[in-house]
Amino acid sequence: MRTSDAGRTVASRILAVFEAFESHGPSLSLTQIADFTGLPVSTTHRIVGELTEWGALARDAQGRYQVGIRLWELAQNAGRRLRDTARPFLQDLFSLTGESVHLAVREGNEALYVDRIYGSKRVPRASRIGGRLPLHATGVGKVLLAYEERWFREAYLAGPLVSLTEFTHVDPHALADELAQIAGQGFAVTGEEARVGACSIAVPVGAGTGAGTGQVVAAIGIVALASQESMLPKHLPVLLGVARRIENAATHRQFPSGT
């Protein structure tokens, strides 16, 4: 549906184009971009042309547009310091467990996957590097939510709780109790809540002061086949050890939390 273009800044128009790909991509025609952004076709043509020339968008053989490699390269700077610090320890975690492992941070109401190392087992994948999932449906997400401030947890639980599978926990009162338990024990376990056939265990990563006493800035987790859910707790000691090593390395590098 077309909206008025009057009063919109250049920046808001450009951001609207990117939002179109975020919500409706990965490949869009010029007409679709104009429809999704509410911009006139002439304005859309000019903005898309400039973004394509810079490399933020790319045009395929069919004349449709997609996110360009230059924008992807620029986006890799987001969270790079945390990712670069944690990467060697994630590799250790993968080597010691043989399972898929990942690192996530909270971005709004979602868990944003900053890094991931895939195991050789055919475990159903719910997300990828750069992907997002609802906080309440994943192990790392529940950890991040459990250690958030009370007002944020209450606001989150009062909002819509989407079911990704039939096993996703969506009762707000039961979730509140579960989050309290996670904060008390220091880890979360999920079974087929984000993807049928997969289970996970996750622990918090603090801002260099220990997850129990400092601000939690990230979470690391292991994903395995659902049939191995009862075996997940055996990975807890190594998960906690890796989390502490990441915290210590982050403190040594002295960069702001959440980066």
C-alpha atoms as a PDB file:
ATOM      1  CA  MET A   1       0.000   0.000   0.000  1.00  0.00           C
ATOM      2  CA  ARG A   2       1.428   3.347  -1.089  1.00  0.00           C
ATOM      3  CA  THR A   3       2.107   5.932   1.605  1.00  0.00           C
ATOM      4  CA  SER A   4       2.958   9.590   1.293  1.00  0.00           C
ATOM      5  CA  ASP A   5       6.640  10.277   0.602  1.00  0.00           C
ATOM      6  CA  ALA A   6       6.382  13.852   1.841  1.00  0.00           C
ATOM      7  CA  GLY A   7       8.495  14.618   4.868  1.00  0.00           C
ATOM      8  CA  ARG A   8      10.541  11.411   4.734  1.00  0.00           C
ATOM      9  CA  THR A   9      14.278  11.926   5.052  1.00  0.00           C
ATOM     10  CA  VAL A  10      16.778  10.400   2.660  1.00  0.00           C
ATOM     11  CA  ALA A  11      17.996   8.120   5.445  1.00  0.00           C
ATOM     12  CA  SER A  12      14.479   6.869   6.221  1.00  0.00           C
ATOM     13  CA  ARG A  13      13.923   6.047   2.544  1.00  0.00           C
ATOM     14  CA  ILE A  14      17.161   4.080   2.330  1.00  0.00           C
ATOM     15  CA  LEU A  15      16.373   2.222   5.555  1.00  0.00           C
ATOM     16  CA  ALA A  16      12.922   1.392   4.187  1.00  0.00           C
ATOM     17  CA  VAL A  17      14.583  -0.282   1.208  1.00  0.00           C
ATOM     18  CA  PHE A  18      16.756  -2.403   3.495  1.00  0.00           C
ATOM     19  CA  GLU A  19      13.721  -3.264   5.652  1.00  0.00           C
ATOM     20  CA  ALA A  20      11.944  -4.506   2.518  1.00  0.00           C
ATOM     21  CA  PHE A  21      14.661  -7.101   2.026  1.00  0.00           C
ATOM     22  CA  GLU A  22      14.654  -7.987   5.718  1.00  0.00           C
ATOM     23  CA  SER A  23      10.906  -8.670   5.677  1.00  0.00           C
ATOM     24  CA  HIS A  24      10.247  -9.823   2.113  1.00  0.00           C
ATOM     25  CA  GLY A  25      13.621 -10.777   0.535  1.00  0.00           C
ATOM     26  CA  PRO A  26      15.989 -12.185  -0.427  1.00  0.00           C
ATOM     27  CA  SER A  27      15.235 -11.233  -4.039  1.00  0.00           C
ATOM     28  CA  LEU A  28      12.885  -8.385  -5.022  1.00  0.00           C
ATOM     29  CA  SER A  29      11.923  -6.566  -8.207  1.00  0.00           C
ATOM     30  CA  LEU A  30      11.958  -2.773  -8.404  1.00  0.00           C
ATOM     31  CA  THR A  31       8.149  -2.715  -8.336  1.00  0.00           C
ATOM     32  CA  GLN A  32       8.074  -4.903  -5.232  1.00  0.00           C
ATOM     33  CA  ILE A  33      10.575  -2.666  -3.447  1.00  0.00           C
ATOM     34  CA  ALA A  34       8.441   0.372  -4.264  1.00  0.00           C
ATOM     35  CA  ASP A  35       5.296  -1.383  -3.009  1.00  0.00           C
ATOM     36  CA  PHE A  36       6.891  -2.602   0.220  1.00  0.00           C
ATOM     37  CA  THR A  37       8.489   0.773   1.031  1.00  0.00           C
ATOM     38  CA  GLY A  38       5.593   2.983  -0.047  1.00  0.00           C
ATOM     39  CA  LEU A  39       8.000   5.035  -2.158  1.00  0.00           C
ATOM     40  CA  PRO A  40       7.232   6.306  -5.683  1.00  0.00           C
ATOM     41  CA  VAL A  41       8.740   4.107  -8.379  1.00  0.00           C
ATOM     42  CA  SER A  42      10.908   7.008  -9.620  1.00  0.00           C
ATOM     43  CA  THR A  43      12.321   7.565  -6.128  1.00  0.00           C
ATOM     44  CA  THR A  44      12.821   3.835  -5.624  1.00  0.00           C
ATOM     45  CA  HIS A  45      14.628   3.582  -8.976  1.00  0.00           C
ATOM     46  CA  ARG A  46      17.038   6.360  -8.007  1.00  0.00           C
ATOM     47  CA  ILE A  47      17.788   5.012  -4.509  1.00  0.00           C
ATOM     48  CA  VAL A  48      18.157   1.412  -5.664  1.00  0.00           C
ATOM     49  CA  GLY A  49      20.441   2.549  -8.485  1.00  0.00           C
ATOM     50  CA  GLU A  50      22.721   4.401  -6.086  1.00  0.00           C
ATOM     51  CA  LEU A  51      22.766   1.503  -3.610  1.00  0.00           C
ATOM     52  CA  THR A  52      23.607  -0.904  -6.429  1.00  0.00           C
ATOM     53  CA  GLU A  53      26.419   1.320  -7.687  1.00  0.00           C
ATOM     54  CA  TRP A  54      27.898   1.451  -4.159  1.00  0.00           C
ATOM     55  CA  GLY A  55      27.564  -2.322  -3.712  1.00  0.00           C
ATOM     56  CA  ALA A  56      24.867  -2.418  -1.019  1.00  0.00           C
ATOM     57  CA  LEU A  57      22.530  -4.103  -3.517  1.00  0.00           C
ATOM     58  CA  ALA A  58      23.226  -6.324  -6.507  1.00  0.00           C
ATOM     59  CA  ARG A  59      21.133  -7.106  -9.592  1.00  0.00           C
ATOM     60  CA  ASP A  60      20.811 -10.645 -10.917  1.00  0.00           C
ATOM     61  CA  ALA A  61      20.336 -11.908 -14.467  1.00  0.00           C
ATOM     62  CA  GLN A  62      16.554 -11.633 -14.141  1.00  0.00           C
ATOM     63  CA  GLY A  63      16.781  -7.974 -13.171  1.00  0.00           C
ATOM     64  CA  ARG A  64      15.801  -8.581  -9.547  1.00  0.00           C
ATOM     65  CA  TYR A  65      17.708  -7.080  -6.627  1.00  0.00           C
ATOM     66  CA  GLN A  66      19.304  -8.672  -3.586  1.00  0.00           C
ATOM     67  CA  VAL A  67      21.598  -7.585  -0.762  1.00  0.00           C
ATOM     68  CA  GLY A  68      25.078  -6.911  -2.141  1.00  0.00           C
ATOM     69  CA  ILE A  69      28.352  -8.365  -0.957  1.00  0.00           C
ATOM     70  CA  ARG A  70      29.686  -4.992   0.194  1.00  0.00           C
ATOM     71  CA  LEU A  71      26.817  -4.532   2.646  1.00  0.00           C
ATOM     72  CA  TRP A  72      27.357  -8.089   3.894  1.00  0.00           C
ATOM     73  CA  GLU A  73      31.056  -7.347   4.428  1.00  0.00           C
ATOM     74  CA  LEU A  74      30.209  -4.189   6.351  1.00  0.00           C
ATOM     75  CA  ALA A  75      27.735  -6.082   8.531  1.00  0.00           C
ATOM     76  CA  GLN A  76      30.462  -8.495   9.588  1.00  0.00           C
ATOM     77  CA  ASN A  77      31.916  -5.706  11.747  1.00  0.00           C
ATOM     78  CA  ALA A  78      28.890  -5.935  14.041  1.00  0.00           C
ATOM     79  CA  GLY A  79      29.879  -7.982  17.056  1.00  0.00           C
ATOM     80  CA  ARG A  80      33.279  -8.733  15.535  1.00  0.00           C
ATOM     81  CA  ARG A  81      35.301  -8.124  18.701  1.00  0.00           C
ATOM     82  CA  LEU A  82      33.154 -10.475  20.764  1.00  0.00           C
ATOM     83  CA  ARG A  83      33.098 -13.036  17.957  1.00  0.00           C
ATOM     84  CA  ASP A  84      36.850 -12.876  17.387  1.00  0.00           C
ATOM     85  CA  THR A  85      37.497 -13.222  21.118  1.00  0.00           C
ATOM     86  CA  ALA A  86      35.143 -16.173  21.521  1.00  0.00           C
ATOM     87  CA  ARG A  87      36.020 -18.055  18.321  1.00  0.00           C
ATOM     88  CA  PRO A  88      39.067 -20.030  19.619  1.00  0.00           C
ATOM     89  CA  PHE A  89      37.086 -21.120  22.668  1.00  0.00           C
ATOM     90  CA  LEU A  90      34.094 -22.143  20.556  1.00  0.00           C
ATOM     91  CA  GLN A  91      36.475 -24.257  18.513  1.00  0.00           C
ATOM     92  CA  ASP A  92      37.693 -25.883  21.740  1.00  0.00           C
ATOM     93  CA  LEU A  93      34.085 -26.521  22.767  1.00  0.00           C
ATOM     94  CA  PHE A  94      33.352 -28.122  19.416  1.00  0.00           C
ATOM     95  CA  SER A  95      36.492 -30.278  19.594  1.00  0.00           C
ATOM     96  CA  LEU A  96      35.677 -31.465  23.113  1.00  0.00           C
ATOM     97  CA  THR A  97      31.999 -32.262  22.479  1.00  0.00           C
ATOM     98  CA  GLY A  98      31.786 -33.073  18.773  1.00  0.00           C
ATOM     99  CA  GLU A  99      28.444 -31.223  18.685  1.00  0.00           C
ATOM    100  CA  SER A 100      27.322 -28.045  16.935  1.00  0.00           C
ATOM    101  CA  VAL A 101      28.060 -24.998  19.097  1.00  0.00           C
ATOM    102  CA  HIS A 102      27.015 -21.370  18.872  1.00  0.00           C
ATOM    103  CA  LEU A 103      27.336 -17.910  20.411  1.00  0.00           C
ATOM    104  CA  ALA A 104      24.375 -15.531  20.686  1.00  0.00           C
ATOM    105  CA  VAL A 105      23.543 -12.068  22.016  1.00  0.00           C
ATOM    106  CA  ARG A 106      20.216 -10.392  22.697  1.00  0.00           C
ATOM    107  CA  GLU A 107      18.994  -8.075  19.961  1.00  0.00           C
ATOM    108  CA  GLY A 108      15.627  -6.680  20.958  1.00  0.00           C
ATOM    109  CA  ASN A 109      13.257  -9.580  21.619  1.00  0.00           C
ATOM    110  CA  GLU A 110      15.392 -12.088  19.747  1.00  0.00           C
ATOM    111  CA  ALA A 111      18.564 -14.110  20.113  1.00  0.00           C
ATOM    112  CA  LEU A 112      21.020 -13.053  17.406  1.00  0.00           C
ATOM    113  CA  TYR A 113      23.477 -15.800  16.446  1.00  0.00           C
ATOM    114  CA  VAL A 114      26.909 -14.185  16.230  1.00  0.00           C
ATOM    115  CA  ASP A 115      28.958 -17.319  15.520  1.00  0.00           C
ATOM    116  CA  ARG A 116      28.414 -21.019  15.010  1.00  0.00           C
ATOM    117  CA  ILE A 117      30.436 -24.159  14.321  1.00  0.00           C
ATOM    118  CA  TYR A 118      28.508 -27.046  12.798  1.00  0.00           C
ATOM    119  CA  GLY A 119      29.118 -30.647  13.788  1.00  0.00           C
ATOM    120  CA  SER A 120      29.043 -33.558  11.368  1.00  0.00           C
ATOM    121  CA  LYS A 121      25.740 -34.958  12.707  1.00  0.00           C
ATOM    122  CA  ARG A 122      22.590 -34.170  10.758  1.00  0.00           C
ATOM    123  CA  VAL A 123      20.934 -32.127  13.492  1.00  0.00           C
ATOM    124  CA  PRO A 124      17.974 -29.996  12.300  1.00  0.00           C
ATOM    125  CA  ARG A 125      19.098 -26.365  12.091  1.00  0.00           C
ATOM    126  CA  ALA A 126      16.839 -23.667  13.454  1.00  0.00           C
ATOM    127  CA  SER A 127      19.120 -20.735  12.631  1.00  0.00           C
ATOM    128  CA  ARG A 128      22.404 -19.647  11.062  1.00  0.00           C
ATOM    129  CA  ILE A 129      25.098 -17.042  11.719  1.00  0.00           C
ATOM    130  CA  GLY A 130      23.325 -13.709  11.566  1.00  0.00           C
ATOM    131  CA  GLY A 131      19.955 -15.390  12.088  1.00  0.00           C
ATOM    132  CA  ARG A 132      17.505 -14.596  14.863  1.00  0.00           C
ATOM    133  CA  LEU A 133      15.076 -16.616  16.955  1.00  0.00           C
ATOM    134  CA  PRO A 134      12.637 -15.672  19.725  1.00  0.00           C
ATOM    135  CA  LEU A 135      14.296 -15.600  23.136  1.00  0.00           C
ATOM    136  CA  HIS A 136      11.796 -17.963  24.758  1.00  0.00           C
ATOM    137  CA  ALA A 137      12.244 -20.746  22.184  1.00  0.00           C
ATOM    138  CA  THR A 138      15.992 -21.406  22.362  1.00  0.00           C
ATOM    139  CA  GLY A 139      18.511 -22.400  25.010  1.00  0.00           C
ATOM    140  CA  VAL A 140      20.738 -19.373  24.480  1.00  0.00           C
ATOM    141  CA  GLY A 141      17.694 -17.130  24.251  1.00  0.00           C
ATOM    142  CA  LYS A 142      16.262 -18.385  27.539  1.00  0.00           C
ATOM    143  CA  VAL A 143      19.603 -17.797  29.237  1.00  0.00           C
ATOM    144  CA  LEU A 144      19.759 -14.232  27.927  1.00  0.00           C
ATOM    145  CA  LEU A 145      16.170 -13.617  28.999  1.00  0.00           C
ATOM    146  CA  ALA A 146      16.659 -15.190  32.430  1.00  0.00           C
ATOM    147  CA  TYR A 147      19.527 -12.814  33.269  1.00  0.00           C
ATOM    148  CA  GLU A 148      17.818  -9.676  31.946  1.00  0.00           C
ATOM    149  CA  GLU A 149      16.365  -7.043  34.231  1.00  0.00           C
ATOM    150  CA  ARG A 150      12.999  -7.903  35.773  1.00  0.00           C
ATOM    151  CA  TRP A 151      11.084  -5.203  33.891  1.00  0.00           C
ATOM    152  CA  PHE A 152      12.310  -6.541  30.554  1.00  0.00           C
ATOM    153  CA  ARG A 153      11.368 -10.135  31.387  1.00  0.00           C
ATOM    154  CA  GLU A 154       7.909  -9.096  32.519  1.00  0.00           C
ATOM    155  CA  ALA A 155       7.336  -6.986  29.412  1.00  0.00           C
ATOM    156  CA  TYR A 156       8.562  -9.817  27.180  1.00  0.00           C
ATOM    157  CA  LEU A 157       6.319 -12.418  28.806  1.00  0.00           C
ATOM    158  CA  ALA A 158       3.356 -10.056  28.544  1.00  0.00           C
ATOM    159  CA  GLY A 159       3.804  -9.866  24.784  1.00  0.00           C
ATOM    160  CA  PRO A 160       3.025 -12.435  22.075  1.00  0.00           C
ATOM    161  CA  LEU A 161       4.885 -15.739  22.534  1.00  0.00           C
ATOM    162  CA  VAL A 162       5.107 -17.480  19.182  1.00  0.00           C
ATOM    163  CA  SER A 163       5.225 -21.278  18.908  1.00  0.00           C
ATOM    164  CA  LEU A 164       7.979 -22.463  16.566  1.00  0.00           C
ATOM    165  CA  THR A 165       7.021 -26.104  17.183  1.00  0.00           C
ATOM    166  CA  GLU A 166       4.355 -27.934  19.145  1.00  0.00           C
ATOM    167  CA  PHE A 167       6.910 -28.225  21.973  1.00  0.00           C
ATOM    168  CA  THR A 168       7.663 -24.500  22.358  1.00  0.00           C
ATOM    169  CA  HIS A 169       6.880 -23.240  25.858  1.00  0.00           C
ATOM    170  CA  VAL A 170       4.454 -20.339  25.503  1.00  0.00           C
ATOM    171  CA  ASP A 171       2.607 -20.190  28.824  1.00  0.00           C
ATOM    172  CA  PRO A 172       3.862 -16.930  30.391  1.00  0.00           C
ATOM    173  CA  HIS A 173       3.454 -18.073  34.000  1.00  0.00           C
ATOM    174  CA  ALA A 174       5.262 -21.371  33.406  1.00  0.00           C
ATOM    175  CA  LEU A 175       7.970 -19.524  31.473  1.00  0.00           C
ATOM    176  CA  ALA A 176       8.481 -17.102  34.352  1.00  0.00           C
ATOM    177  CA  ASP A 177       9.068 -20.045  36.686  1.00  0.00           C
ATOM    178  CA  GLU A 178      11.398 -21.660  34.152  1.00  0.00           C
ATOM    179  CA  LEU A 179      13.443 -18.470  33.782  1.00  0.00           C
ATOM    180  CA  ALA A 180      13.787 -18.183  37.544  1.00  0.00           C
ATOM    181  CA  GLN A 181      15.070 -21.755  37.648  1.00  0.00           C
ATOM    182  CA  ILE A 182      17.555 -21.043  34.831  1.00  0.00           C
ATOM    183  CA  ALA A 183      18.902 -17.981  36.649  1.00  0.00           C
ATOM    184  CA  GLY A 184      19.276 -20.030  39.814  1.00  0.00           C
ATOM    185  CA  GLN A 185      21.028 -23.032  38.288  1.00  0.00           C
ATOM    186  CA  GLY A 186      23.075 -21.166  35.685  1.00  0.00           C
ATOM    187  CA  PHE A 187      22.033 -23.020  32.521  1.00  0.00           C
ATOM    188  CA  ALA A 188      19.065 -23.779  30.260  1.00  0.00           C
ATOM    189  CA  VAL A 189      18.005 -26.954  28.469  1.00  0.00           C
ATOM    190  CA  THR A 190      15.466 -27.081  25.630  1.00  0.00           C
ATOM    191  CA  GLY A 191      13.942 -30.008  23.788  1.00  0.00           C
ATOM    192  CA  GLU A 192      12.601 -29.506  20.246  1.00  0.00           C
ATOM    193  CA  GLU A 193      11.297 -26.016  21.043  1.00  0.00           C
ATOM    194  CA  ALA A 194      12.997 -24.258  18.129  1.00  0.00           C
ATOM    195  CA  ARG A 195      13.166 -27.175  15.702  1.00  0.00           C
ATOM    196  CA  VAL A 196      11.724 -30.672  15.919  1.00  0.00           C
ATOM    197  CA  GLY A 197      14.528 -33.202  16.232  1.00  0.00           C
ATOM    198  CA  ALA A 198      16.981 -30.915  18.035  1.00  0.00           C
ATOM    199  CA  CYS A 199      17.727 -30.145  21.685  1.00  0.00           C
ATOM    200  CA  SER A 200      20.134 -27.714  23.318  1.00  0.00           C
ATOM    201  CA  ILE A 201      21.919 -26.671  26.477  1.00  0.00           C
ATOM    202  CA  ALA A 202      23.266 -23.158  27.059  1.00  0.00           C
ATOM    203  CA  VAL A 203      25.061 -21.065  29.686  1.00  0.00           C
ATOM    204  CA  PRO A 204      25.604 -17.308  30.129  1.00  0.00           C
ATOM    205  CA  VAL A 205      28.749 -15.357  29.315  1.00  0.00           C
ATOM    206  CA  GLY A 206      29.277 -12.395  31.643  1.00  0.00           C
ATOM    207  CA  ALA A 207      31.099  -9.154  31.074  1.00  0.00           C
ATOM    208  CA  GLY A 208      34.293 -10.508  32.551  1.00  0.00           C
ATOM    209  CA  THR A 209      33.015 -10.802  36.111  1.00  0.00           C
ATOM    210  CA  GLY A 210      31.330 -14.178  36.168  1.00  0.00           C
ATOM    211  CA  ALA A 211      27.821 -14.909  34.974  1.00  0.00           C
ATOM    212  CA  GLY A 212      26.429 -15.018  38.475  1.00  0.00           C
ATOM    213  CA  THR A 213      27.685 -11.595  39.533  1.00  0.00           C
ATOM    214  CA  GLY A 214      28.187  -9.427  36.456  1.00  0.00           C
ATOM    215  CA  GLN A 215      26.181  -8.333  33.464  1.00  0.00           C
ATOM    216  CA  VAL A 216      25.439 -11.150  31.024  1.00  0.00           C
ATOM    217  CA  VAL A 217      26.366 -10.058  27.504  1.00  0.00           C
ATOM    218  CA  ALA A 218      26.087 -13.310  25.565  1.00  0.00           C
ATOM    219  CA  ALA A 219      25.299 -17.007  25.786  1.00  0.00           C
ATOM    220  CA  ILE A 220      26.982 -20.095  24.376  1.00  0.00           C
ATOM    221  CA  GLY A 221      25.198 -23.320  23.645  1.00  0.00           C
ATOM    222  CA  ILE A 222      25.400 -26.825  22.259  1.00  0.00           C
ATOM    223  CA  VAL A 223      22.820 -28.289  19.869  1.00  0.00           C
ATOM    224  CA  ALA A 224      22.363 -32.048  19.544  1.00  0.00           C
ATOM    225  CA  LEU A 225      19.862 -34.588  18.306  1.00  0.00           C
ATOM    226  CA  ALA A 226      16.673 -34.688  20.359  1.00  0.00           C
ATOM    227  CA  SER A 227      17.375 -38.320  21.186  1.00  0.00           C
ATOM    228  CA  GLN A 228      20.445 -37.127  23.132  1.00  0.00           C
ATOM    229  CA  GLU A 229      18.604 -34.670  25.382  1.00  0.00           C
ATOM    230  CA  SER A 230      19.146 -36.770  28.509  1.00  0.00           C
ATOM    231  CA  MET A 231      22.898 -36.684  27.796  1.00  0.00           C
ATOM    232  CA  LEU A 232      23.167 -32.892  27.545  1.00  0.00           C
ATOM    233  CA  PRO A 233      24.069 -32.272  31.223  1.00  0.00           C
ATOM    234  CA  LYS A 234      27.349 -34.126  30.740  1.00  0.00           C
ATOM    235  CA  HIS A 235      28.506 -31.159  28.625  1.00  0.00           C
ATOM    236  CA  LEU A 236      27.777 -28.628  31.378  1.00  0.00           C
ATOM    237  CA  PRO A 237      31.281 -28.569  32.981  1.00  0.00           C
ATOM    238  CA  VAL A 238      33.025 -27.861  29.687  1.00  0.00           C
ATOM    239  CA  LEU A 239      30.372 -25.297  28.711  1.00  0.00           C
ATOM    240  CA  LEU A 240      30.878 -23.416  31.965  1.00  0.00           C
ATOM    241  CA  GLY A 241      34.646 -23.629  31.620  1.00  0.00           C
ATOM    242  CA  VAL A 242      34.556 -22.211  28.094  1.00  0.00           C
ATOM    243  CA  ALA A 243      32.220 -19.418  29.205  1.00  0.00           C
ATOM    244  CA  ARG A 244      34.672 -18.392  31.928  1.00  0.00           C
ATOM    245  CA  ARG A 245      37.560 -18.440  29.453  1.00  0.00           C
ATOM    246  CA  ILE A 246      35.639 -16.154  27.099  1.00  0.00           C
ATOM    247  CA  GLU A 247      34.909 -13.803  30.007  1.00  0.00           C
ATOM    248  CA  ASN A 248      38.548 -13.678  30.994  1.00  0.00           C
ATOM    249  CA  ALA A 249      39.661 -13.049  27.429  1.00  0.00           C
ATOM    250  CA  ALA A 250      37.040 -10.309  27.030  1.00  0.00           C
ATOM    251  CA  THR A 251      38.241  -8.595  30.201  1.00  0.00           C
ATOM    252  CA  HIS A 252      41.843  -8.750  28.982  1.00  0.00           C
ATOM    253  CA  ARG A 253      40.859  -7.110  25.694  1.00  0.00           C
ATOM    254  CA  GLN A 254      38.875  -4.437  27.577  1.00  0.00           C
ATOM    255  CA  PHE A 255      36.136  -3.710  25.097  1.00  0.00           C
ATOM    256  CA  PRO A 256      32.604  -2.604  25.936  1.00  0.00           C
ATOM    257  CA  SER A 257      30.007  -5.281  26.689  1.00  0.00           C
ATOM    258  CA  GLY A 258      27.741  -6.362  23.864  1.00  0.00           C
ATOM    259  CA  THR A 259      30.317  -5.781  21.107  1.00  0.00           C
END
